[in-house]
PDB file of N, CA and C in Angstrom:
ATOM      1  N   UNK A   1      11.584   0.624 -11.505  1.00  0.00           N
ATOM      2  CA  UNK A   1      11.671   0.319 -10.186  1.00  0.00           C
ATOM      3  C   UNK A   1      10.396  -0.077  -9.653  1.00  0.00           C
ATOM      4  N   UNK A   2      10.175  -1.234  -8.967  1.00  0.00           N
ATOM      5  CA  UNK A   2       8.909  -1.546  -8.141  1.00  0.00           C
ATOM      6  C   UNK A   2       8.524  -0.586  -7.125  1.00  0.00           C
ATOM      7  N   UNK A   3       7.264  -0.644  -6.949  1.00  0.00           N
ATOM      8  CA  UNK A   3       6.759   0.511  -5.988  1.00  0.00           C
ATOM      9  C   UNK A   3       6.156  -0.371  -4.855  1.00  0.00           C
ATOM     10  N   UNK A   4       6.452   0.032  -3.641  1.00  0.00           N
ATOM     11  CA  UNK A   4       5.787  -0.272  -2.218  1.00  0.00           C
ATOM     12  C   UNK A   4       5.031   0.766  -1.679  1.00  0.00           C
ATOM     13  N   UNK A   5       3.711   0.513  -1.294  1.00  0.00           N
ATOM     14  CA  UNK A   5       3.050   1.559  -0.955  1.00  0.00           C
ATOM     15  C   UNK A   5       2.942   1.244   0.651  1.00  0.00           C
ATOM     16  N   UNK A   6       2.989   2.291   1.128  1.00  0.00           N
ATOM     17  CA  UNK A   6       2.904   1.911   2.707  1.00  0.00           C
ATOM     18  C   UNK A   6       1.742   2.659   3.075  1.00  0.00           C
ATOM     19  N   UNK A   7       0.656   1.855   3.886  1.00  0.00           N
ATOM     20  CA  UNK A   7      -0.855   2.416   4.098  1.00  0.00           C
ATOM     21  C   UNK A   7      -1.134   2.440   5.585  1.00  0.00           C
ATOM     22  N   UNK A   8      -0.462   2.068   6.412  1.00  0.00           N
ATOM     23  CA  UNK A   8      -1.189   2.335   7.958  1.00  0.00           C
ATOM     24  C   UNK A   8      -0.863   3.652   8.133  1.00  0.00           C
ATOM     25  N   UNK A   9      -1.811   4.285   8.632  1.00  0.00           N
ATOM     26  CA  UNK A   9      -1.975   5.829   9.061  1.00  0.00           C
ATOM     27  C   UNK A   9      -0.774   6.330   9.814  1.00  0.00           C
ATOM     28  N   UNK A  10      -0.069   5.698  10.910  1.00  0.00           N
ATOM     29  CA  UNK A  10       0.839   5.964  11.739  1.00  0.00           C
ATOM     30  C   UNK A  10       2.323   5.989  11.227  1.00  0.00           C
ATOM     31  N   UNK A  11       2.413   5.254   9.678  1.00  0.00           N
ATOM     32  CA  UNK A  11       3.563   5.161   9.146  1.00  0.00           C
ATOM     33  C   UNK A  11       3.690   6.033   7.834  1.00  0.00           C
ATOM     34  N   UNK A  12       2.490   6.568   7.433  1.00  0.00           N
ATOM     35  CA  UNK A  12       2.396   7.593   6.450  1.00  0.00           C
ATOM     36  C   UNK A  12       3.456   8.916   6.462  1.00  0.00           C
ATOM     37  N   UNK A  13       4.378   9.025   5.713  1.00  0.00           N
ATOM     38  CA  UNK A  13       5.339   9.925   5.816  1.00  0.00           C
ATOM     39  C   UNK A  13       6.259   9.956   6.728  1.00  0.00           C
ATOM     40  N   UNK A  14       6.514   8.813   7.569  1.00  0.00           N
ATOM     41  CA  UNK A  14       7.312   8.627   8.685  1.00  0.00           C
ATOM     42  C   UNK A  14       8.814   8.178   7.895  1.00  0.00           C
ATOM     43  N   UNK A  15       9.890   8.680   8.205  1.00  0.00           N
ATOM     44  CA  UNK A  15      11.168   8.143   7.447  1.00  0.00           C
ATOM     45  C   UNK A  15      11.896   7.241   8.335  1.00  0.00           C
ATOM     46  N   UNK A  16      11.243   5.938   8.868  1.00  0.00           N
ATOM     47  CA  UNK A  16      11.968   5.040   9.574  1.00  0.00           C
ATOM     48  C   UNK A  16      13.086   4.276   8.845  1.00  0.00           C
ATOM     49  N   UNK A  17      13.580   3.337   9.300  1.00  0.00           N
ATOM     50  CA  UNK A  17      14.506   2.577   9.016  1.00  0.00           C
ATOM     51  C   UNK A  17      13.993   1.748   7.775  1.00  0.00           C
ATOM     52  N   UNK A  18      12.894   1.349   7.978  1.00  0.00           N
ATOM     53  CA  UNK A  18      11.970   0.355   7.069  1.00  0.00           C
ATOM     54  C   UNK A  18      12.091   1.063   5.494  1.00  0.00           C
ATOM     55  N   UNK A  19      11.963   2.356   5.467  1.00  0.00           N
ATOM     56  CA  UNK A  19      12.048   3.123   4.277  1.00  0.00           C
ATOM     57  C   UNK A  19      13.294   2.908   3.609  1.00  0.00           C
ATOM     58  N   UNK A  20      14.246   3.219   4.473  1.00  0.00           N
ATOM     59  CA  UNK A  20      15.761   3.253   4.009  1.00  0.00           C
ATOM     60  C   UNK A  20      15.958   1.790   3.338  1.00  0.00           C
ATOM     61  N   UNK A  21      15.781   0.730   4.403  1.00  0.00           N
ATOM     62  CA  UNK A  21      15.787  -0.585   3.836  1.00  0.00           C
ATOM     63  C   UNK A  21      15.222  -0.939   2.383  1.00  0.00           C
ATOM     64  N   UNK A  22      13.914  -0.628   2.312  1.00  0.00           N
ATOM     65  CA  UNK A  22      13.346  -0.637   1.042  1.00  0.00           C
ATOM     66  C   UNK A  22      13.809  -0.017   0.002  1.00  0.00           C
ATOM     67  N   UNK A  23      14.229   0.996  -0.169  1.00  0.00           N
ATOM     68  CA  UNK A  23      14.867   2.071  -0.896  1.00  0.00           C
ATOM     69  C   UNK A  23      16.346   1.462  -1.309  1.00  0.00           C
ATOM     70  N   UNK A  24      17.106   1.051  -0.347  1.00  0.00           N
ATOM     71  CA  UNK A  24      18.564   0.428  -0.543  1.00  0.00           C
ATOM     72  C   UNK A  24      18.091  -1.055  -1.341  1.00  0.00           C
ATOM     73  N   UNK A  25      17.077  -1.655  -1.227  1.00  0.00           N
ATOM     74  CA  UNK A  25      16.739  -2.947  -1.942  1.00  0.00           C
ATOM     75  C   UNK A  25      16.304  -2.680  -3.211  1.00  0.00           C
ATOM     76  N   UNK A  26      16.182  -1.219  -3.747  1.00  0.00           N
ATOM     77  CA  UNK A  26      15.599  -1.033  -5.231  1.00  0.00           C
ATOM     78  C   UNK A  26      14.205  -0.613  -5.312  1.00  0.00           C
ATOM     79  N   UNK A  27      13.528  -0.184  -4.139  1.00  0.00           N
ATOM     80  CA  UNK A  27      12.016  -0.132  -4.105  1.00  0.00           C
ATOM     81  C   UNK A  27      11.803   1.479  -3.934  1.00  0.00           C
ATOM     82  N   UNK A  28      10.570   2.019  -4.868  1.00  0.00           N
ATOM     83  CA  UNK A  28      10.305   3.082  -4.673  1.00  0.00           C
ATOM     84  C   UNK A  28       9.158   3.246  -3.702  1.00  0.00           C
ATOM     85  N   UNK A  29       9.546   3.683  -2.569  1.00  0.00           N
ATOM     86  CA  UNK A  29       8.337   3.724  -1.425  1.00  0.00           C
ATOM     87  C   UNK A  29       7.409   4.994  -1.709  1.00  0.00           C
ATOM     88  N   UNK A  30       6.057   4.837  -1.637  1.00  0.00           N
ATOM     89  CA  UNK A  30       5.140   5.778  -1.818  1.00  0.00           C
ATOM     90  C   UNK A  30       3.990   5.518  -0.647  1.00  0.00           C
ATOM     91  N   UNK A  31       3.292   6.594  -0.658  1.00  0.00           N
ATOM     92  CA  UNK A  31       2.171   6.413   0.438  1.00  0.00           C
ATOM     93  C   UNK A  31       0.727   6.911  -0.133  1.00  0.00           C
ATOM     94  N   UNK A  32      -0.339   6.375   0.013  1.00  0.00           N
ATOM     95  CA  UNK A  32      -1.589   6.862  -0.553  1.00  0.00           C
ATOM     96  C   UNK A  32      -2.081   8.362  -0.606  1.00  0.00           C
ATOM     97  N   UNK A  33      -2.261   8.918  -1.709  1.00  0.00           N
ATOM     98  CA  UNK A  33      -2.787  10.428  -1.495  1.00  0.00           C
ATOM     99  C   UNK A  33      -4.138  10.524  -0.743  1.00  0.00           C
ATOM    100  N   UNK A  34      -4.821   9.287  -1.053  1.00  0.00           N
ATOM    101  CA  UNK A  34      -6.175   9.304  -0.365  1.00  0.00           C
ATOM    102  C   UNK A  34      -6.126   8.616   1.043  1.00  0.00           C
ATOM    103  N   UNK A  35      -6.398   9.466   1.932  1.00  0.00           N
ATOM    104  CA  UNK A  35      -6.183   9.043   3.635  1.00  0.00           C
ATOM    105  C   UNK A  35      -7.455   8.326   3.658  1.00  0.00           C
ATOM    106  N   UNK A  36      -8.552   8.430   2.949  1.00  0.00           N
ATOM    107  CA  UNK A  36      -9.785   7.852   3.440  1.00  0.00           C
ATOM    108  C   UNK A  36      -9.273   6.146   3.067  1.00  0.00           C
ATOM    109  N   UNK A  37      -8.544   5.841   2.151  1.00  0.00           N
ATOM    110  CA  UNK A  37      -8.248   4.205   1.937  1.00  0.00           C
ATOM    111  C   UNK A  37      -7.831   3.925   3.364  1.00  0.00           C
ATOM    112  N   UNK A  38      -7.115   4.611   4.135  1.00  0.00           N
ATOM    113  CA  UNK A  38      -6.076   4.072   5.159  1.00  0.00           C
ATOM    114  C   UNK A  38      -7.179   3.890   6.370  1.00  0.00           C
ATOM    115  N   UNK A  39      -8.184   4.527   6.256  1.00  0.00           N
ATOM    116  CA  UNK A  39      -9.151   4.460   7.367  1.00  0.00           C
ATOM    117  C   UNK A  39     -10.572   3.585   7.049  1.00  0.00           C
ATOM    118  N   UNK A  40     -10.324   2.559   5.852  1.00  0.00           N
ATOM    119  CA  UNK A  40     -11.253   1.776   5.557  1.00  0.00           C
ATOM    120  C   UNK A  40     -12.506   2.446   4.910  1.00  0.00           C
ATOM    121  N   UNK A  41     -12.631   3.688   4.540  1.00  0.00           N
ATOM    122  CA  UNK A  41     -13.543   4.554   4.311  1.00  0.00           C
ATOM    123  C   UNK A  41     -13.890   4.588   2.608  1.00  0.00           C
ATOM    124  N   UNK A  42     -12.928   3.628   1.942  1.00  0.00           N
ATOM    125  CA  UNK A  42     -12.991   3.554   0.503  1.00  0.00           C
ATOM    126  C   UNK A  42     -13.967   2.585  -0.118  1.00  0.00           C
ATOM    127  N   UNK A  43     -14.579   2.781  -1.377  1.00  0.00           N
ATOM    128  CA  UNK A  43     -15.126   1.862  -1.939  1.00  0.00           C
ATOM    129  C   UNK A  43     -14.014   0.701  -2.751  1.00  0.00           C
ATOM    130  N   UNK A  44     -14.577  -0.129  -3.228  1.00  0.00           N
ATOM    131  CA  UNK A  44     -13.686  -1.437  -3.755  1.00  0.00           C
ATOM    132  C   UNK A  44     -12.991  -0.783  -5.054  1.00  0.00           C
ATOM    133  N   UNK A  45     -13.634   0.387  -5.815  1.00  0.00           N
ATOM    134  CA  UNK A  45     -12.941   0.907  -6.934  1.00  0.00           C
ATOM    135  C   UNK A  45     -11.800   1.894  -6.250  1.00  0.00           C
ATOM    136  N   UNK A  46     -12.286   2.475  -5.493  1.00  0.00           N
ATOM    137  CA  UNK A  46     -11.340   3.562  -4.898  1.00  0.00           C
ATOM    138  C   UNK A  46     -10.160   2.795  -4.359  1.00  0.00           C
ATOM    139  N   UNK A  47     -10.385   1.689  -3.831  1.00  0.00           N
ATOM    140  CA  UNK A  47      -9.047   1.025  -3.172  1.00  0.00           C
ATOM    141  C   UNK A  47      -8.438   0.450  -4.407  1.00  0.00           C
ATOM    142  N   UNK A  48      -8.943   0.121  -5.349  1.00  0.00           N
ATOM    143  CA  UNK A  48      -8.241  -0.600  -6.413  1.00  0.00           C
ATOM    144  C   UNK A  48      -7.460   0.697  -7.073  1.00  0.00           C
ATOM    145  N   UNK A  49      -7.909   1.514  -7.194  1.00  0.00           N
ATOM    146  CA  UNK A  49      -7.306   2.995  -7.788  1.00  0.00           C
ATOM    147  C   UNK A  49      -6.025   3.097  -7.010  1.00  0.00           C
ATOM    148  N   UNK A  50      -6.223   3.111  -5.769  1.00  0.00           N
ATOM    149  CA  UNK A  50      -5.135   3.494  -4.664  1.00  0.00           C
ATOM    150  C   UNK A  50      -4.036   2.441  -5.072  1.00  0.00           C
ATOM    151  N   UNK A  51      -4.523   1.318  -5.071  1.00  0.00           N
ATOM    152  CA  UNK A  51      -3.383   0.100  -4.892  1.00  0.00           C
ATOM    153  C   UNK A  51      -2.917  -0.216  -6.467  1.00  0.00           C
ATOM    154  N   UNK A  52      -3.347   0.269  -7.296  1.00  0.00           N
ATOM    155  CA  UNK A  52      -3.051   0.022  -8.867  1.00  0.00           C
ATOM    156  C   UNK A  52      -1.578   0.099  -9.125  1.00  0.00           C
ATOM    157  N   UNK A  53      -1.131   1.256  -8.588  1.00  0.00           N
ATOM    158  CA  UNK A  53       0.460   1.478  -8.835  1.00  0.00           C
ATOM    159  C   UNK A  53       1.527   0.593  -8.120  1.00  0.00           C
ATOM    160  N   UNK A  54       0.984   0.037  -7.269  1.00  0.00           N
ATOM    161  CA  UNK A  54       2.037  -0.709  -6.366  1.00  0.00           C
ATOM    162  C   UNK A  54       2.276  -2.328  -6.830  1.00  0.00           C
ATOM    163  N   UNK A  55       3.404  -2.696  -6.563  1.00  0.00           N
ATOM    164  CA  UNK A  55       3.873  -3.870  -6.756  1.00  0.00           C
ATOM    165  C   UNK A  55       3.876  -4.585  -5.186  1.00  0.00           C
ATOM    166  N   UNK A  56       4.037  -3.921  -4.493  1.00  0.00           N
ATOM    167  CA  UNK A  56       3.787  -4.478  -2.939  1.00  0.00           C
ATOM    168  C   UNK A  56       3.191  -3.385  -2.145  1.00  0.00           C
ATOM    169  N   UNK A  57       2.453  -4.027  -1.072  1.00  0.00           N
ATOM    170  CA  UNK A  57       1.718  -3.039  -0.033  1.00  0.00           C
ATOM    171  C   UNK A  57       2.256  -3.504   1.278  1.00  0.00           C
ATOM    172  N   UNK A  58       2.592  -2.547   2.130  1.00  0.00           N
ATOM    173  CA  UNK A  58       2.592  -2.682   3.468  1.00  0.00           C
ATOM    174  C   UNK A  58       1.429  -2.266   4.158  1.00  0.00           C
ATOM    175  N   UNK A  59       0.494  -3.025   4.664  1.00  0.00           N
ATOM    176  CA  UNK A  59      -1.033  -2.815   4.985  1.00  0.00           C
ATOM    177  C   UNK A  59      -1.165  -2.817   6.581  1.00  0.00           C
ATOM    178  N   UNK A  60      -2.095  -1.952   6.833  1.00  0.00           N
ATOM    179  CA  UNK A  60      -2.568  -2.305   8.051  1.00  0.00           C
ATOM    180  C   UNK A  60      -3.677  -3.180   8.315  1.00  0.00           C
ATOM    181  N   UNK A  61      -4.983  -2.597   8.879  1.00  0.00           N
ATOM    182  CA  UNK A  61      -6.189  -3.450   8.593  1.00  0.00           C
ATOM    183  C   UNK A  61      -7.242  -3.443   7.476  1.00  0.00           C
ATOM    184  N   UNK A  62      -6.554  -2.964   6.286  1.00  0.00           N
ATOM    185  CA  UNK A  62      -7.395  -2.954   5.322  1.00  0.00           C
ATOM    186  C   UNK A  62      -7.812  -4.083   4.752  1.00  0.00           C
ATOM    187  N   UNK A  63      -9.161  -4.011   4.303  1.00  0.00           N
ATOM    188  CA  UNK A  63      -9.824  -5.113   3.849  1.00  0.00           C
ATOM    189  C   UNK A  63      -9.354  -5.336   2.214  1.00  0.00           C
ATOM    190  N   UNK A  64      -9.173  -6.484   1.940  1.00  0.00           N
ATOM    191  CA  UNK A  64      -8.732  -6.764   0.434  1.00  0.00           C
ATOM    192  C   UNK A  64      -9.667  -7.858   0.142  1.00  0.00           C
ATOM    193  N   UNK A  65     -10.751  -7.461  -0.322  1.00  0.00           N
ATOM    194  CA  UNK A  65     -11.928  -8.217  -0.888  1.00  0.00           C
ATOM    195  C   UNK A  65     -11.440  -9.043  -2.249  1.00  0.00           C
ATOM    196  N   UNK A  66     -12.094 -10.229  -2.632  1.00  0.00           N
ATOM    197  CA  UNK A  66     -11.825 -10.629  -3.680  1.00  0.00           C
ATOM    198  C   UNK A  66     -11.971  -9.790  -5.067  1.00  0.00           C
ATOM    199  N   UNK A  67     -12.856  -8.891  -5.010  1.00  0.00           N
ATOM    200  CA  UNK A  67     -12.943  -8.061  -6.069  1.00  0.00           C
ATOM    201  C   UNK A  67     -11.548  -7.092  -6.143  1.00  0.00           C
ATOM    202  N   UNK A  68     -11.150  -6.662  -5.092  1.00  0.00           N
ATOM    203  CA  UNK A  68     -10.044  -5.617  -4.894  1.00  0.00           C
ATOM    204  C   UNK A  68      -8.864  -6.474  -5.353  1.00  0.00           C
ATOM    205  N   UNK A  69      -8.489  -7.536  -5.015  1.00  0.00           N
ATOM    206  CA  UNK A  69      -7.300  -8.612  -5.389  1.00  0.00           C
ATOM    207  C   UNK A  69      -7.466  -8.879  -6.877  1.00  0.00           C
ATOM    208  N   UNK A  70      -8.938  -9.244  -7.389  1.00  0.00           N
ATOM    209  CA  UNK A  70      -9.002  -9.251  -9.047  1.00  0.00           C
ATOM    210  C   UNK A  70      -8.653  -8.159  -9.596  1.00  0.00           C
ATOM    211  N   UNK A  71      -8.803  -6.865  -9.122  1.00  0.00           N
ATOM    212  CA  UNK A  71      -8.664  -5.689 -10.085  1.00  0.00           C
ATOM    213  C   UNK A  71      -7.171  -4.895  -9.835  1.00  0.00           C
ATOM    214  N   UNK A  72      -6.443  -5.738  -9.208  1.00  0.00           N
ATOM    215  CA  UNK A  72      -4.782  -5.136  -9.060  1.00  0.00           C
ATOM    216  C   UNK A  72      -3.871  -6.474  -9.211  1.00  0.00           C
ATOM    217  N   UNK A  73      -3.792  -6.734 -10.611  1.00  0.00           N
ATOM    218  CA  UNK A  73      -2.916  -7.678 -11.143  1.00  0.00           C
ATOM    219  C   UNK A  73      -1.559  -7.465 -10.959  1.00  0.00           C
ATOM    220  N   UNK A  74      -1.162  -6.357 -10.794  1.00  0.00           N
ATOM    221  CA  UNK A  74       0.193  -5.752 -10.675  1.00  0.00           C
ATOM    222  C   UNK A  74       0.924  -6.270  -9.301  1.00  0.00           C
ATOM    223  N   UNK A  75      -0.106  -6.264  -8.386  1.00  0.00           N
ATOM    224  CA  UNK A  75       0.446  -6.257  -6.853  1.00  0.00           C
ATOM    225  C   UNK A  75       0.731  -7.752  -6.494  1.00  0.00           C
ATOM    226  N   UNK A  76       1.890  -7.905  -6.011  1.00  0.00           N
ATOM    227  CA  UNK A  76       2.652  -9.346  -5.860  1.00  0.00           C
ATOM    228  C   UNK A  76       2.600  -9.545  -4.470  1.00  0.00           C
ATOM    229  N   UNK A  77       2.713  -8.473  -3.318  1.00  0.00           N
ATOM    230  CA  UNK A  77       2.825  -8.931  -1.743  1.00  0.00           C
ATOM    231  C   UNK A  77       1.968  -8.005  -1.159  1.00  0.00           C
ATOM    232  N   UNK A  78       1.438  -8.597  -0.073  1.00  0.00           N
ATOM    233  CA  UNK A  78       0.724  -7.795   0.906  1.00  0.00           C
ATOM    234  C   UNK A  78       1.521  -8.209   2.159  1.00  0.00           C
ATOM    235  N   UNK A  79       2.103  -7.331   2.775  1.00  0.00           N
ATOM    236  CA  UNK A  79       2.424  -7.491   4.143  1.00  0.00           C
ATOM    237  C   UNK A  79       1.674  -6.596   5.082  1.00  0.00           C
ATOM    238  N   UNK A  80       1.279  -7.613   6.056  1.00  0.00           N
ATOM    239  CA  UNK A  80       0.583  -6.848   7.271  1.00  0.00           C
ATOM    240  C   UNK A  80       1.529  -6.164   8.347  1.00  0.00           C
ATOM    241  N   UNK A  81       1.234  -5.041   8.626  1.00  0.00           N
ATOM    242  CA  UNK A  81       1.990  -4.191   9.777  1.00  0.00           C
ATOM    243  C   UNK A  81       1.230  -4.444  10.977  1.00  0.00           C
ATOM    244  N   UNK A  82       1.486  -4.777  11.998  1.00  0.00           N
ATOM    245  CA  UNK A  82       1.079  -4.823  13.094  1.00  0.00           C
ATOM    246  C   UNK A  82       1.073  -6.185  13.985  1.00  0.00           C
TER     247      UNK A  82
END
């Protein structure tokens, strides 16, 4: 089952209709365990580790550098929220 990681702080652990839609479409919805990532305080390596499980991410204002993108080849979609 593909994994969608929802990272905006305001959406973490919120059971909104978007979660139901994603689950009905066959996605496993997850949230980052390390909240430092959602606040932009993570190193590139920590960001890679956080995102490495995801096939898709619903992101806020996080920075995705070339190094981060190169380190997460499984990731196929970055959707910006906001």
